[in-house]
């Protein structure tokens, strides 16, 4: 299974840093996906349907976040990384990751059960009721503005979407920001 540094970063962002939740301290590699969650958010990268069975672990594995962070530092932007089972790697404690220039890194496998992440997607199965396209930078800026101006760093904010043509309203405490949808 191949992925880029950017895809790895996107998933690692959601991996737990809480040492007491060892099974969340890693990234799940399953079929053609890499998934991470800290119990509050879930990030997933899907490599698609063109992944050969020989390119993925025979069973899901949880790879250590710290090893993947070290690996990320050695990857150049734009390089693709191949993660695959390797018979040279001893036992099931490690998975070999091959970087574009032929170098490799062995990543620790965490022994544990990963949360049943598919339950998160049950509510999103089928056809969505509305699809909204927005500028991601505007959404990020609005969220940051609500956090900073509201003085509620780390607290919840409310995101309201009414339909695919209406603006998105982001509120926390007394502060509200609105992001307009992009027109097709």
Protein backbone atom coordinates (compact mmCIF):
# COMPACT_ATOMS: atom_id res chain seq x y z
CA UNK A 1 0.00 0.00 0.00
CA UNK A 2 1.41 3.40 -0.99
CA UNK A 3 0.83 6.72 0.73
CA UNK A 4 2.43 10.17 0.77
CA UNK A 5 3.95 12.19 3.59
CA UNK A 6 0.91 14.49 3.47
CA UNK A 7 -1.49 11.55 3.83
CA UNK A 8 0.52 10.17 6.75
CA UNK A 9 0.50 13.59 8.44
CA UNK A 10 -3.27 13.89 7.97
CA UNK A 11 -3.82 10.60 9.77
CA UNK A 12 -1.18 11.08 12.49
CA UNK A 13 -2.86 14.34 13.48
CA UNK A 14 -5.74 12.33 15.01
CA UNK A 15 -3.65 9.63 16.73
CA UNK A 16 -3.88 9.75 20.52
CA UNK A 17 -0.96 11.04 22.57
CA UNK A 18 -2.45 9.62 25.77
CA UNK A 19 -0.08 6.90 26.99
CA UNK A 20 -2.81 5.14 28.95
CA UNK A 21 -4.73 4.43 25.72
CA UNK A 22 -2.03 2.37 24.05
CA UNK A 23 -4.27 0.99 21.29
CA UNK A 24 -5.13 4.56 20.20
CA UNK A 25 -1.43 5.53 20.22
CA UNK A 26 -1.07 4.13 16.75
CA UNK A 27 -2.37 4.08 13.24
CA UNK A 28 -4.52 1.20 12.09
CA UNK A 29 -3.54 -0.32 8.75
CA UNK A 30 -6.41 -2.31 7.34
CA UNK A 31 -6.84 -3.42 3.76
CA UNK A 32 -6.20 -0.26 1.73
CA UNK A 33 -6.70 2.22 4.58
CA UNK A 34 -4.72 3.96 7.27
CA UNK A 35 -6.85 5.22 10.17
CA UNK A 36 -6.19 7.07 13.41
CA UNK A 37 -8.44 8.24 16.22
CA UNK A 38 -8.01 9.67 19.68
CA UNK A 39 -11.63 8.93 20.57
CA UNK A 40 -12.80 12.46 19.68
CA UNK A 41 -11.87 12.63 16.00
CA UNK A 42 -11.08 10.12 13.31
CA UNK A 43 -8.89 10.65 10.25
CA UNK A 44 -8.70 8.10 7.45
CA UNK A 45 -6.85 7.81 4.14
CA UNK A 46 -8.20 5.31 1.64
CA UNK A 47 -5.66 4.08 -0.94
CA UNK A 48 -8.44 2.97 -3.28
CA UNK A 49 -9.39 -0.28 -4.92
CA UNK A 50 -6.24 -0.79 -7.00
CA UNK A 51 -4.16 -2.11 -4.07
CA UNK A 52 -2.98 -5.67 -4.55
CA UNK A 53 -3.61 -8.15 -1.70
CA UNK A 54 0.15 -8.76 -1.46
CA UNK A 55 0.65 -5.07 -0.63
CA UNK A 56 -1.36 -5.05 2.59
CA UNK A 57 -0.99 -6.90 5.88
CA UNK A 58 -2.99 -10.15 6.00
CA UNK A 59 -4.78 -8.87 9.10
CA UNK A 60 -5.26 -5.35 10.48
CA UNK A 61 -2.26 -4.02 12.42
CA UNK A 62 -1.78 -1.02 14.68
CA UNK A 63 1.51 0.77 13.97
CA UNK A 64 3.21 2.84 16.68
CA UNK A 65 2.60 6.60 16.30
CA UNK A 66 6.11 7.46 17.52
CA UNK A 67 7.74 5.24 14.88
CA UNK A 68 5.54 6.75 12.18
CA UNK A 69 6.46 10.28 13.31
CA UNK A 70 10.15 9.33 12.99
CA UNK A 71 9.43 7.84 9.56
CA UNK A 72 7.58 11.01 8.49
CA UNK A 73 10.70 13.08 9.21
CA UNK A 74 12.70 10.98 6.75
CA UNK A 75 10.18 11.30 3.92
CA UNK A 76 10.56 14.12 1.41
CA UNK A 77 7.46 16.00 0.29
CA UNK A 78 6.00 14.31 -2.77
CA UNK A 79 7.69 10.96 -2.10
CA UNK A 80 5.49 7.90 -1.91
CA UNK A 81 6.02 5.36 0.82
CA UNK A 82 5.20 1.66 0.48
CA UNK A 83 3.99 -0.25 3.50
CA UNK A 84 3.92 -3.99 3.04
CA UNK A 85 4.54 -7.24 4.84
CA UNK A 86 8.15 -8.34 4.49
CA UNK A 87 9.29 -11.91 5.18
CA UNK A 88 12.70 -10.61 6.34
CA UNK A 89 11.08 -8.84 9.30
CA UNK A 90 11.05 -11.05 12.40
CA UNK A 91 7.68 -12.21 13.65
CA UNK A 92 4.71 -9.90 13.78
CA UNK A 93 6.22 -7.22 16.02
CA UNK A 94 7.35 -5.08 13.08
CA UNK A 95 6.12 -3.96 9.66
CA UNK A 96 8.61 -2.86 7.02
CA UNK A 97 7.98 0.51 5.39
CA UNK A 98 9.94 1.30 2.22
CA UNK A 99 10.66 4.93 1.33
CA UNK A 100 10.88 6.03 -2.33
CA UNK A 101 14.70 6.07 -2.40
CA UNK A 102 14.84 2.37 -1.43
CA UNK A 103 15.62 2.91 2.25
CA UNK A 104 13.40 1.15 4.73
CA UNK A 105 12.22 1.52 8.27
CA UNK A 106 10.77 -1.12 10.56
CA UNK A 107 7.72 0.15 12.46
CA UNK A 108 6.57 -1.39 15.75
CA UNK A 109 3.22 -3.18 15.78
CA UNK A 110 1.09 -2.46 18.86
CA UNK A 111 -0.64 -5.50 20.33
CA UNK A 112 -4.21 -4.49 21.03
CA UNK A 113 -7.69 -4.13 19.66
CA UNK A 114 -8.50 -0.98 17.70
CA UNK A 115 -11.90 0.68 18.23
CA UNK A 116 -14.65 -0.30 15.82
CA UNK A 117 -14.22 2.78 13.66
CA UNK A 118 -16.82 1.72 11.08
CA UNK A 119 -19.57 2.53 13.61
CA UNK A 120 -18.76 6.21 13.09
CA UNK A 121 -19.66 5.87 9.42
CA UNK A 122 -22.99 4.06 9.90
CA UNK A 123 -24.80 7.38 10.12
CA UNK A 124 -23.17 8.46 6.85
CA UNK A 125 -24.03 5.37 4.81
CA UNK A 126 -26.20 5.89 1.77
CA UNK A 127 -26.75 9.14 -0.03
CA UNK A 128 -26.05 12.38 1.86
CA UNK A 129 -28.99 14.75 2.36
CA UNK A 130 -26.84 17.72 1.36
CA UNK A 131 -23.38 18.20 -0.09
CA UNK A 132 -21.65 21.49 0.63
CA UNK A 133 -18.41 22.62 -0.96
CA UNK A 134 -16.50 25.23 1.01
CA UNK A 135 -13.07 26.79 0.98
CA UNK A 136 -11.13 24.80 3.60
CA UNK A 137 -8.93 27.77 4.53
CA UNK A 138 -11.99 29.94 5.19
CA UNK A 139 -13.47 27.25 7.42
CA UNK A 140 -10.19 26.88 9.33
CA UNK A 141 -9.86 30.66 9.71
CA UNK A 142 -13.45 30.95 10.94
CA UNK A 143 -12.92 28.19 13.51
CA UNK A 144 -9.70 29.81 14.72
CA UNK A 145 -11.39 33.22 14.92
CA UNK A 146 -14.22 31.78 17.02
CA UNK A 147 -11.73 30.12 19.34
CA UNK A 148 -9.47 33.18 19.73
CA UNK A 149 -12.12 35.89 19.92
CA UNK A 150 -14.40 33.85 22.13
CA UNK A 151 -11.65 33.03 24.57
CA UNK A 152 -12.86 29.43 24.58
CA UNK A 153 -9.66 27.70 23.49
CA UNK A 154 -10.22 23.97 23.61
CA UNK A 155 -13.94 24.19 24.26
CA UNK A 156 -16.74 23.11 21.97
CA UNK A 157 -18.07 25.12 19.09
CA UNK A 158 -21.33 24.68 17.24
CA UNK A 159 -21.30 24.14 13.45
CA UNK A 160 -24.69 24.68 11.82
CA UNK A 161 -25.53 23.66 8.25
CA UNK A 162 -29.04 24.22 6.95
CA UNK A 163 -28.81 23.14 3.30
CA UNK A 164 -26.31 23.05 0.44
CA UNK A 165 -26.90 26.69 -0.54
CA UNK A 166 -26.90 28.26 2.92
CA UNK A 167 -23.85 29.60 4.71
CA UNK A 168 -22.22 27.52 7.45
CA UNK A 169 -22.48 29.14 10.87
CA UNK A 170 -19.76 28.50 13.48
CA UNK A 171 -20.51 29.63 17.05
CA UNK A 172 -18.79 29.43 20.40
CA UNK A 173 -19.97 31.53 23.29
CA UNK A 174 -20.72 35.06 22.08
CA UNK A 175 -18.77 34.75 18.81
CA UNK A 176 -20.23 33.66 15.46
CA UNK A 177 -18.52 33.33 12.07
CA UNK A 178 -20.14 32.44 8.77
CA UNK A 179 -18.52 30.71 5.77
CA UNK A 180 -20.29 30.86 2.44
CA UNK A 181 -20.49 27.73 0.29
CA UNK A 182 -18.71 27.73 -3.05
CA UNK A 183 -20.95 27.87 -6.07
CA UNK A 184 -20.53 25.18 -8.73
